[in-house]
Protein backbone atom coordinates (compact mmCIF):
# COMPACT_ATOMS: atom_id res chain seq x y z
CA MET A 1 11.26 34.42 -7.28
CA ALA A 2 9.69 33.13 -4.14
CA GLY A 3 10.78 29.41 -4.30
CA LEU A 4 8.87 26.30 -4.65
CA LYS A 5 6.76 25.62 -1.43
CA GLY A 6 7.89 22.53 0.57
CA ASN A 7 4.45 21.93 2.33
CA VAL A 8 2.73 21.39 -0.96
CA ALA A 9 3.15 17.56 -1.57
CA TRP A 10 1.43 14.30 -1.76
CA TRP A 11 2.34 10.43 -2.13
CA ALA A 12 0.48 7.51 -3.38
CA ALA A 13 1.13 3.88 -4.18
CA ALA A 14 -0.53 0.82 -5.76
CA LYS A 15 0.08 -2.85 -5.95
CA GLN A 16 1.56 -3.94 -9.31
CA SER A 17 0.44 -7.18 -11.01
CA ALA A 18 3.89 -8.21 -11.51
CA LYS A 19 7.52 -6.79 -11.75
CA GLY A 20 7.47 -4.43 -14.72
CA SER A 21 3.86 -3.62 -14.88
CA ALA A 22 3.48 -0.18 -13.54
CA ALA A 23 0.19 0.13 -11.62
CA ALA A 24 -2.05 3.06 -13.20
CA TYR A 25 -4.58 3.60 -10.44
CA ALA A 26 -3.65 4.73 -6.86
CA PRO A 27 -6.57 3.74 -4.33
CA PHE A 28 -5.30 6.62 -2.31
CA LYS A 29 -3.32 9.77 -2.00
CA ALA A 30 -1.88 11.06 1.22
CA PRO A 31 -0.11 13.97 2.74
CA PHE A 32 3.74 13.75 4.00
CA THR A 33 4.27 14.34 7.70
CA GLY A 34 8.07 13.83 6.93
CA GLY A 35 10.25 11.66 4.80
CA GLY A 36 10.56 11.71 1.09
CA ILE A 37 10.98 9.45 -2.03
CA GLN A 38 13.97 10.32 -4.20
CA VAL A 39 15.72 9.69 -7.35
CA THR A 40 19.06 8.06 -6.27
CA ARG A 41 22.21 8.55 -8.32
CA GLU A 42 25.34 7.00 -6.95
CA THR A 43 28.62 8.49 -8.55
CA ALA A 44 32.35 7.66 -8.23
CA ASN A 45 35.52 8.87 -9.61
CA LEU A 46 37.90 7.28 -11.79
CA SER A 47 41.26 6.56 -9.56
CA GLU A 48 44.45 6.75 -12.09
CA THR A 49 47.94 7.88 -11.92
CA ASP A 50 48.34 11.46 -13.17
CA SER A 51 50.69 14.20 -12.61
CA SER A 52 48.20 16.35 -10.97
CA ARG A 53 46.59 15.64 -7.61
CA ASP A 54 43.22 16.22 -9.03
CA GLN A 55 40.50 13.79 -8.60
CA GLY A 56 39.57 11.48 -11.70
CA ILE A 57 36.54 11.75 -14.13
CA SER A 58 33.19 11.00 -12.48
CA TYR A 59 31.11 8.20 -13.64
CA VAL A 60 27.51 6.90 -12.48
CA VAL A 61 27.58 4.02 -10.61
CA ARG A 62 23.82 3.29 -10.03
CA SER A 63 20.68 4.97 -10.04
CA GLY A 64 16.95 3.89 -8.84
CA VAL A 65 14.98 5.03 -6.14
CA GLU A 66 15.12 5.09 -2.57
CA GLY A 67 13.55 6.90 0.59
CA GLY A 68 10.20 6.57 2.39
CA THR A 69 7.04 8.18 3.65
CA GLU A 70 5.99 9.49 7.08
CA SER A 71 2.10 9.73 7.38
CA TYR A 72 -0.50 9.51 9.88
CA VAL A 73 -1.99 5.94 10.36
CA ARG A 74 -5.28 6.27 8.36
CA ASP A 75 -7.89 3.54 7.05
CA SER A 76 -7.23 4.46 3.64
CA TYR A 77 -4.04 2.99 3.24
CA ILE A 78 -2.62 1.08 6.41
CA HIS A 79 -3.88 -2.31 4.88
CA ASN A 80 -1.89 -1.63 1.57
CA LEU A 81 1.29 -0.54 3.35
CA LEU A 82 1.26 -3.90 5.61
CA GLU A 83 0.65 -5.94 2.93
CA GLY A 84 3.53 -4.21 0.93
CA THR A 85 5.68 -5.04 3.87
CA LEU A 86 4.67 -8.38 5.03
CA GLY A 87 3.63 -9.66 1.43
CA LYS A 88 0.10 -11.66 1.70
CA ARG A 89 -3.32 -10.02 2.05
CA THR A 90 -6.76 -11.82 1.84
CA VAL A 91 -9.84 -9.47 1.89
CA VAL A 92 -13.48 -10.71 3.19
CA ALA A 93 -16.37 -8.49 2.55
CA SER A 94 -18.56 -8.21 5.51
CA GLY A 95 -21.34 -6.05 7.07
CA THR A 96 -23.78 -6.26 4.27
CA GLN A 97 -25.44 -3.02 3.68
CA PHE A 98 -27.74 -3.85 0.82
CA THR A 99 -29.32 -6.56 -1.21
CA VAL A 100 -28.46 -6.77 -5.00
CA SER A 101 -31.47 -7.57 -7.22
CA SER A 102 -29.87 -7.65 -10.35
CA ALA A 103 -26.69 -6.65 -12.67
CA THR A 104 -26.13 -5.88 -16.28
CA ALA A 105 -23.14 -5.56 -18.35
CA ALA A 106 -22.46 -3.01 -21.24
CA ALA A 107 -20.43 -3.85 -24.50
CA PRO A 108 -16.85 -3.02 -24.20
CA THR A 109 -16.19 0.56 -24.96
CA SER A 110 -14.61 1.51 -28.27
CA ALA A 111 -13.63 4.75 -29.92
CA THR A 112 -12.20 6.23 -33.03
CA VAL A 113 -8.84 7.35 -32.40
CA ASN A 114 -7.52 10.17 -34.75
CA ALA A 115 -4.66 11.72 -33.21
CA VAL A 116 -1.62 11.20 -30.64
CA SER A 117 1.00 13.25 -28.96
CA ASN A 118 3.49 12.47 -26.22
CA VAL A 119 5.22 14.24 -23.35
CA LEU A 120 8.36 11.85 -22.20
CA ASN A 121 6.61 8.46 -21.74
CA VAL A 122 3.09 9.95 -21.30
CA TYR A 123 1.01 9.28 -24.74
CA THR A 124 -2.10 11.25 -25.00
CA TYR A 125 -4.78 9.86 -27.40
CA THR A 126 -7.39 12.07 -29.13
CA THR A 127 -10.83 10.38 -29.92
CA ALA A 128 -13.48 11.40 -32.43
CA ALA A 129 -16.12 11.31 -29.76
CA ALA A 130 -16.64 10.78 -26.05
CA HIS A 131 -14.53 7.56 -25.11
CA GLY A 132 -16.04 6.66 -21.86
CA PHE A 133 -12.55 5.23 -20.57
CA VAL A 134 -11.62 5.68 -16.98
CA ALA A 135 -8.21 5.30 -15.14
CA GLY A 136 -7.47 1.56 -14.84
CA ASP A 137 -9.21 0.57 -18.21
CA VAL A 138 -6.96 -1.67 -20.29
CA VAL A 139 -7.23 -0.56 -23.81
CA THR A 140 -5.89 -2.26 -27.08
CA ILE A 141 -4.98 0.52 -29.80
CA ALA A 142 -4.68 -0.34 -33.56
CA GLY A 143 -4.54 1.38 -36.88
CA SER A 144 -1.62 3.63 -36.64
CA SER A 145 1.11 3.56 -39.24
CA VAL A 146 3.55 3.97 -36.65
CA ALA A 147 3.92 0.73 -34.77
CA GLY A 148 4.81 2.38 -31.60
CA TRP A 149 1.62 3.98 -30.93
CA ASN A 150 -0.23 0.49 -31.27
CA GLY A 151 -0.42 -2.16 -28.50
CA THR A 152 -2.30 -2.57 -25.30
CA PHE A 153 -2.06 -0.02 -22.53
CA THR A 154 -3.72 0.97 -19.19
CA VAL A 155 -5.31 4.44 -19.07
CA ALA A 156 -3.63 6.42 -16.60
CA SER A 157 -6.15 9.45 -16.78
CA ALA A 158 -9.06 10.96 -18.77
CA PRO A 159 -8.45 14.63 -18.98
CA THR A 160 -11.19 15.23 -21.03
CA THR A 161 -14.31 13.20 -22.70
CA THR A 162 -12.21 13.22 -25.81
CA THR A 163 -8.67 12.46 -24.70
CA PHE A 164 -6.94 9.84 -22.56
CA THR A 165 -3.44 9.19 -21.43
CA VAL A 166 -1.34 6.23 -21.03
CA ASN A 167 2.04 5.48 -19.71
CA GLY A 168 4.15 4.04 -22.88
CA PRO A 169 7.30 2.10 -22.81
CA SER A 170 9.26 4.93 -24.39
CA SER A 171 9.94 8.65 -23.78
CA ALA A 172 10.98 9.19 -27.29
CA GLY A 173 8.26 10.55 -29.60
CA TYR A 174 7.64 8.56 -32.81
CA GLY A 175 6.93 11.63 -35.01
CA THR A 176 3.98 12.13 -37.08
CA THR A 177 1.28 9.64 -37.47
CA THR A 178 -1.49 8.77 -39.82
CA TRP A 179 -4.47 6.60 -38.97
CA SER A 180 -6.34 4.35 -41.57
CA SER A 181 -9.13 3.49 -39.13
CA GLY A 182 -7.44 3.88 -35.52
CA THR A 183 -9.46 2.28 -32.82
CA ALA A 184 -9.01 2.19 -29.25
CA THR A 185 -11.15 -0.90 -27.53
CA SER A 186 -11.66 -1.44 -23.77
CA THR A 187 -10.99 -4.87 -22.32
CA LYS A 188 -13.24 -4.33 -19.60
CA SER A 189 -17.06 -3.44 -19.70
CA ILE A 190 -19.21 -1.37 -17.33
CA TYR A 191 -21.50 -3.56 -15.04
CA THR A 192 -24.35 -1.73 -13.42
CA TYR A 193 -25.86 -2.98 -10.07
CA THR A 194 -29.30 -2.39 -8.56
CA THR A 195 -29.71 -2.46 -4.89
CA SER A 196 -32.71 -2.92 -2.94
CA ALA A 197 -32.61 0.59 -1.31
CA ALA A 198 -30.78 3.86 -1.53
CA HIS A 199 -26.92 2.95 -1.31
CA GLY A 200 -25.28 6.14 -0.76
CA TYR A 201 -22.27 5.16 -2.78
CA VAL A 202 -20.22 7.96 -4.48
CA ALA A 203 -17.38 7.44 -7.20
CA GLY A 204 -14.19 6.07 -5.74
CA ASN A 205 -15.98 3.94 -2.98
CA SER A 206 -14.75 0.50 -2.95
CA VAL A 207 -17.31 -2.39 -2.57
CA GLY A 208 -17.43 -6.05 -2.37
CA VAL A 209 -20.28 -7.93 -4.37
CA ALA A 210 -21.54 -11.53 -3.60
CA GLY A 211 -24.39 -13.90 -4.68
CA ALA A 212 -24.02 -13.88 -8.40
CA ALA A 213 -24.35 -16.90 -10.11
CA ASN A 214 -21.77 -15.72 -12.65
CA ALA A 215 -18.58 -15.47 -10.72
CA ALA A 216 -17.49 -12.44 -12.88
CA TYR A 217 -19.99 -10.21 -11.03
CA ASN A 218 -18.60 -11.15 -7.53
CA GLY A 219 -15.68 -9.50 -6.16
CA LEU A 220 -14.08 -6.24 -5.17
CA PHE A 221 -14.62 -3.29 -7.23
CA LEU A 222 -14.11 0.64 -7.53
CA VAL A 223 -17.27 2.59 -7.94
CA LEU A 224 -16.95 4.68 -11.18
CA THR A 225 -20.54 6.31 -11.03
CA ALA A 226 -23.87 6.35 -9.15
CA PRO A 227 -26.41 7.06 -11.88
CA THR A 228 -29.31 6.65 -9.43
CA THR A 229 -29.95 6.30 -5.77
CA THR A 230 -30.26 2.65 -6.15
CA THR A 231 -27.57 1.88 -8.88
CA PHE A 232 -23.91 2.05 -9.20
CA THR A 233 -21.39 1.22 -11.93
CA VAL A 234 -18.09 -0.50 -11.83
CA ALA A 235 -15.62 -1.82 -14.51
CA GLY A 236 -15.54 -5.59 -15.09
CA GLN A 237 -14.54 -8.23 -17.53
CA ALA A 238 -15.36 -7.74 -21.07
CA SER A 239 -18.35 -9.61 -22.27
CA PRO A 240 -19.34 -11.62 -19.03
CA GLY A 241 -22.56 -12.87 -20.16
CA THR A 242 -25.58 -12.49 -18.05
CA THR A 243 -26.20 -13.55 -14.37
CA THR A 244 -28.93 -13.93 -11.73
CA PHE A 245 -28.76 -13.26 -8.10
CA THR A 246 -29.85 -15.96 -5.36
CA SER A 247 -28.92 -13.85 -2.22
CA GLY A 248 -26.99 -10.95 -3.80
CA THR A 249 -25.18 -8.68 -1.25
CA VAL A 250 -22.94 -5.40 -1.45
CA SER A 251 -20.85 -4.25 1.33
CA GLN A 252 -18.26 -1.65 1.91
CA SER A 253 -16.89 -2.98 4.91
CA GLY A 254 -14.35 -5.78 5.12
CA THR A 255 -11.72 -7.49 7.05
CA HIS A 256 -7.92 -7.61 5.58
CA THR A 257 -5.96 -10.46 6.83
CA ILE A 258 -2.17 -9.79 6.19
CA THR A 259 0.51 -12.45 6.89
CA PRO A 260 4.04 -12.86 5.88
CA ALA A 261 4.87 -14.32 2.61
CA ASP A 262 8.16 -15.68 1.29
CA SER A 263 10.55 -13.25 -0.54
CA ALA A 264 9.55 -14.54 -3.98
CA ASN A 265 6.08 -13.36 -3.27
CA LEU A 266 6.99 -9.78 -1.72
CA PRO A 267 4.89 -7.63 -3.96
CA TYR A 268 5.95 -4.68 -6.21
CA PHE A 269 4.43 -1.40 -5.96
CA THR A 270 4.32 1.71 -8.11
CA PHE A 271 4.69 5.06 -6.00
CA TRP A 272 3.88 8.60 -7.04
CA ARG A 273 4.68 11.92 -5.57
CA ASN A 274 3.86 15.45 -6.03
CA GLN A 275 6.13 18.42 -4.81
CA SER A 276 5.11 21.92 -5.14
CA ASP A 277 2.54 21.07 -7.79
CA THR A 278 5.58 21.41 -10.09
CA LEU A 279 7.34 18.05 -9.83
CA TRP A 280 5.68 15.16 -10.55
CA GLU A 281 7.44 11.65 -10.51
CA SER A 282 6.36 7.98 -10.64
CA PHE A 283 8.49 5.17 -9.23
CA THR A 284 7.95 1.68 -10.49
CA ASP A 285 9.06 -1.68 -9.44
CA CYS A 286 9.26 -0.65 -6.05
CA GLN A 287 9.45 -2.74 -2.57
CA PHE A 288 9.14 -2.20 1.08
CA GLY A 289 12.30 -2.50 2.88
CA GLU A 290 11.01 -1.66 6.49
CA LEU A 291 7.54 -0.26 8.11
CA THR A 292 7.22 1.05 11.63
CA ILE A 293 4.09 2.21 13.58
CA LYS A 294 4.75 4.32 16.47
CA GLY A 295 2.54 6.00 19.11
CA GLU A 296 2.56 7.67 22.48
CA ALA A 297 0.25 8.63 24.96
CA GLY A 298 -2.08 11.60 23.78
CA ALA A 299 -0.53 11.78 20.17
CA PRO A 300 -1.66 10.22 16.76
CA LEU A 301 -0.29 7.08 15.43
CA SER A 302 2.50 7.56 12.72
CA VAL A 303 3.39 4.97 10.08
CA THR A 304 7.09 5.32 8.46
CA THR A 305 8.19 3.27 5.26
CA ALA A 306 11.35 2.54 3.70
CA ILE A 307 11.43 1.62 0.13
CA MET A 308 13.66 0.72 -2.74
CA GLY A 309 12.67 1.02 -6.49
CA LEU A 310 14.07 0.40 -9.85
CA THR A 311 12.68 3.13 -12.28
CA PRO A 312 11.77 6.58 -11.63
CA THR A 313 10.03 8.77 -14.54
CA ARG A 314 9.13 12.39 -14.33
CA SER A 315 5.99 13.79 -15.90
CA ALA A 316 5.20 17.27 -17.16
CA THR A 317 1.62 17.04 -15.87
CA GLU A 318 0.14 15.43 -12.70
CA PHE A 319 -0.19 11.77 -12.83
CA GLY A 320 -3.78 10.82 -13.19
CA ALA A 321 -4.60 12.14 -9.56
CA THR A 322 -7.94 13.88 -10.25
CA SER A 323 -9.55 10.46 -10.88
CA TRP A 324 -7.81 8.83 -7.99
CA ASN A 325 -9.62 8.17 -4.64
CA THR A 326 -8.88 11.37 -2.60
CA LYS A 327 -10.65 10.22 0.53
CA THR A 328 -7.66 9.84 2.65
CA THR A 329 -7.52 13.80 3.60
CA THR A 330 -10.93 13.23 5.28
CA ASP A 331 -10.14 9.94 7.19
CA ALA A 332 -9.97 10.18 10.85
CA CYS A 333 -6.41 9.53 12.09
CA TYR A 334 -5.68 6.74 14.73
CA SER A 335 -4.65 7.81 17.99
CA TYR A 336 -2.51 5.88 20.67
CA ASN A 337 -5.50 6.70 22.79
CA ASN A 338 -7.29 3.99 20.67
CA ALA A 339 -4.54 1.54 21.61
CA THR A 340 -4.95 -1.74 23.84
CA ILE A 341 -1.55 -3.71 24.73
CA ALA A 342 -2.13 -7.36 26.04
CA LEU A 343 0.22 -9.91 26.90
CA GLY A 344 -0.13 -13.66 27.38
CA GLY A 345 -3.12 -15.44 26.57
CA THR A 346 -3.77 -18.54 24.44
CA VAL A 347 -2.20 -18.87 20.68
CA GLY A 348 -4.95 -20.58 18.51
CA SER A 349 -4.25 -22.97 15.54
CA THR A 350 -3.63 -20.17 13.10
CA GLY A 351 -1.69 -17.96 15.45
CA LEU A 352 -4.31 -15.52 16.66
CA ILE A 353 -4.49 -14.82 20.43
CA THR A 354 -7.51 -15.21 22.38
CA SER A 355 -8.03 -14.33 26.21
CA PRO A 356 -5.04 -11.98 26.49
CA THR A 357 -4.39 -10.00 29.51
CA ALA A 358 -4.53 -6.17 28.82
CA THR A 359 -2.28 -3.78 30.59
CA GLY A 360 -3.23 -0.06 30.68
CA LEU A 361 0.27 0.86 31.83
CA VAL A 362 1.90 1.03 28.49
CA ARG A 363 2.51 4.53 27.55
CA SER A 364 4.22 4.08 24.11
CA VAL A 365 4.61 1.48 21.88
CA GLU A 366 6.69 0.75 18.47
CA ILE A 367 6.38 -1.92 15.85
CA GLN A 368 8.91 -2.19 13.25
CA ILE A 369 8.79 -4.79 10.51
CA SER A 370 12.02 -5.19 8.38
CA ASN A 371 12.68 -7.18 5.33
CA ASN A 372 16.39 -6.17 5.21
CA LEU A 373 16.12 -5.35 1.58
CA ASN A 374 19.31 -5.22 -0.63
CA VAL A 375 19.67 -3.92 -4.17
CA GLN A 376 20.85 -6.50 -6.87
CA GLN A 377 22.92 -4.86 -9.66
CA THR A 378 24.31 -6.68 -12.71
CA ASP A 379 25.28 -4.72 -15.91
CA ASP A 380 23.30 -1.65 -16.11
CA VAL A 381 23.15 1.50 -13.86
CA THR A 382 19.64 0.51 -13.10
CA PRO A 383 19.44 -2.51 -10.77
CA TYR A 384 17.97 -5.59 -11.81
CA ASP A 385 16.04 -6.26 -8.99
CA MET A 386 15.79 -5.94 -4.86
CA VAL A 387 16.56 -8.88 -2.62
CA PRO A 388 14.74 -9.33 0.70
CA GLY A 389 17.12 -10.67 3.41
CA GLN A 390 16.14 -12.04 6.90
CA ARG A 391 12.68 -10.61 8.28
CA GLN A 392 12.90 -9.07 11.66
CA ILE A 393 10.10 -7.76 13.77
CA ASN A 394 11.14 -5.64 16.64
CA ILE A 395 8.84 -4.36 19.16
CA SER A 396 9.64 -1.60 21.89
CA PHE A 397 7.43 -0.29 24.55
CA ASP A 398 7.55 1.88 27.74
CA LEU A 399 6.02 0.16 30.71
CA ILE A 400 4.93 2.09 34.10
CA LEU A 401 6.32 -0.62 36.57
CA ASP A 402 3.52 -1.08 39.04
CA SER A 403 4.71 -4.88 40.08
CA LEU A 404 7.65 -6.85 39.47
CA ASP A 405 5.94 -9.56 37.42
CA GLU A 406 7.48 -8.70 34.07
CA TYR A 407 10.86 -8.07 35.65
CA ASN A 408 10.80 -11.35 37.33
CA LYS A 409 9.68 -13.22 33.84
CA PHE A 410 12.59 -11.59 32.18
CA PHE A 411 15.46 -12.20 34.60
CA TYR A 412 14.06 -15.11 36.81
CA GLY A 413 11.98 -17.18 34.40
CA GLY A 414 8.56 -16.38 36.09
CA ILE A 415 6.69 -14.38 38.62
CA SER A 416 7.88 -16.49 41.57
CA GLY A 417 11.42 -17.22 40.24
CA THR A 418 14.31 -16.24 42.57
CA SER A 419 17.46 -17.67 40.30
CA VAL A 420 18.59 -16.22 37.20
CA SER A 421 17.06 -17.91 34.26
CA SER A 422 19.41 -19.41 31.54
CA SER A 423 16.23 -19.34 29.26
CA ILE A 424 14.62 -16.58 27.42
CA TYR A 425 11.11 -15.46 28.54
CA THR A 426 8.75 -15.55 25.68
CA THR A 427 4.90 -14.38 25.72
CA PRO A 428 2.12 -14.01 23.19
CA MET A 429 1.39 -10.36 22.62
CA GLN A 430 -1.60 -8.57 21.00
CA ILE A 431 -1.77 -4.93 19.87
CA THR A 432 -4.77 -3.29 19.07
CA PHE A 433 -5.84 -0.06 17.89
CA ALA A 434 -9.82 0.54 17.67
CA ASN A 435 -11.34 3.63 15.97
CA GLY A 436 -15.24 3.18 16.15
CA SER A 437 -16.08 0.08 14.15
CA ASN A 438 -12.59 0.01 12.41
CA SER A 439 -9.69 -1.57 13.82
CA ILE A 440 -6.08 -2.52 13.24
CA LYS A 441 -4.64 -5.63 15.52
CA PHE A 442 -1.41 -7.28 15.81
CA ASP A 443 -1.04 -10.93 16.89
CA ILE A 444 2.28 -11.88 17.66
CA PRO A 445 2.35 -15.61 19.03
CA SER A 446 5.91 -15.45 20.49
CA VAL A 447 7.83 -12.40 21.72
CA ALA A 448 11.11 -12.62 23.48
CA TYR A 449 12.28 -9.88 25.83
CA GLU A 450 15.67 -8.60 24.81
CA ALA A 451 15.96 -5.92 27.48
CA PHE A 452 14.13 -4.69 30.53
CA PRO A 453 16.10 -2.02 32.45
CA VAL A 454 14.87 -0.99 35.68
CA GLN A 455 16.77 2.30 36.84
CA PRO A 456 16.44 4.62 40.07
CA ASN A 457 14.71 7.92 39.72
CA PRO A 458 16.07 10.64 41.98
CA ASN A 459 12.83 12.82 41.52
CA GLY A 460 10.67 10.25 42.71
CA ASP A 461 8.77 9.76 39.49
CA PRO A 462 7.26 6.55 38.75
CA ILE A 463 9.73 3.97 37.24
CA VAL A 464 9.19 3.48 33.41
CA VAL A 465 11.00 0.61 31.72
CA SER A 466 11.78 0.94 28.00
CA VAL A 467 11.20 -2.83 27.11
CA ARG A 468 12.71 -4.19 23.68
CA ALA A 469 11.51 -7.43 22.28
CA GLN A 470 11.64 -9.68 19.04
CA ALA A 471 9.00 -11.39 17.31
CA GLN A 472 10.45 -15.17 16.77
CA ARG A 473 9.40 -18.15 14.84
CA THR A 474 6.49 -20.32 16.26
CA GLY A 475 7.57 -23.53 14.75
CA ASP A 476 4.26 -24.08 13.27
CA PRO A 477 4.02 -23.24 9.66
CA ALA A 478 0.17 -22.63 10.47
CA LYS A 479 1.00 -19.78 13.15
CA PRO A 480 2.66 -17.10 11.43
CA ILE A 481 5.42 -14.93 13.13
CA ILE A 482 2.75 -11.84 13.08
CA THR A 483 -0.63 -11.59 11.72
CA ALA A 484 -2.23 -8.18 11.06
CA THR A 485 -6.03 -7.72 10.89
CA VAL A 486 -7.34 -4.63 9.60
CA VAL A 487 -11.22 -3.99 9.62
CA ASN A 488 -12.21 -0.89 7.55
CA SER A 489 -14.55 0.27 4.71
CA ASN A 490 -11.64 0.48 2.01
CA LEU A 491 -11.67 -2.88 0.40
CA LEU A 492 -9.04 -2.23 -2.51
């Protein structure tokens, strides 16, 4: 036996609607550059008096999910990871590409079900004819004489035209079942949009639609199919009625604005991983404990996360990845050569910085956002929840020292200062990574330097200072401690 290949692996993540509601569809899948998400199983031993010196019987203290991912920074997922870490994301579609002239909605899809089986908690239903369901559809199943097979579920995958899977609440089989008049009815319907010119969309693209008189037809959607060069379909609400367009538009570009949320609004995510095309696991009710973006001259940007989760589940088959958006592997990686580091400037009313002073002498930068997440355990080996602690944002960068300006600001309170200052010097800071028309920008209204060490170099090389700093409260609720603005063509 040659052993399982360590280099065959991917991970994926999707925001949940709420704790306990696992996501069914991942808007991206990504390769690892390091790290790993693991099932945790903490054990201890009973400690009792005994005639021997042997340790006591083992018992399980806690189980759950811990670990993280290391990947390159790509447009497919960086906005999702920042939302998971900071908590609040708003998306505005922009850069209109086509005019939408009409939209129609098909009736909700319904199919007759005549068989069902399960492997662990993955239920597979077989329909009498092509069902038309896709991953992410919500279906209501009725007609089984065994109540466990009935209910409302989210479609995880559709392996064939007459089978679909859902992630059920139980990994125990319900035995044989009979169907009196088994049905599966989708709570969604398919919208078909017509554009003014060839759109070029393919399945898996995310689009933003606006301008419909009926609000159900507006919003962010995933393209399901493109039947013709000027039509495309998405999954929308069931029976939305008719609509007209006054100035209908559809765009693949958008701006994500990500700001901190309080601990009660830190979102839950479902993570998936594949190891060696043999081990498939999903991890539900996960939260981001930490995220670090790091880059240095001549190298790609990397993003590292640390997550905690409550419930791991193993599957005998790959989780719906064949219907997920796999664009990630073709996305260009951001490079540190795309970076612009700026200090100073004017802080606007919403915390965004204008007129900063760019410096080309920063040769590396690291931004670390930490939620100080802690596990909350009650009367079960599975933790009840995770509790975010104080949010901390640390910035470090290597600065080639060509003047004493920043040194004087830190120690002497200003460029022209000569006496050691008793106050902490603060400055606005803006960090931008631009990749063509796409970009990632961090606006930090108030950064306090923590360390500014200047050391001699016997070799005569230019002095490089490893600066450490922290973001701090602005004192104005309208100005967040940090704002991340991501512009890309992945709206979901």
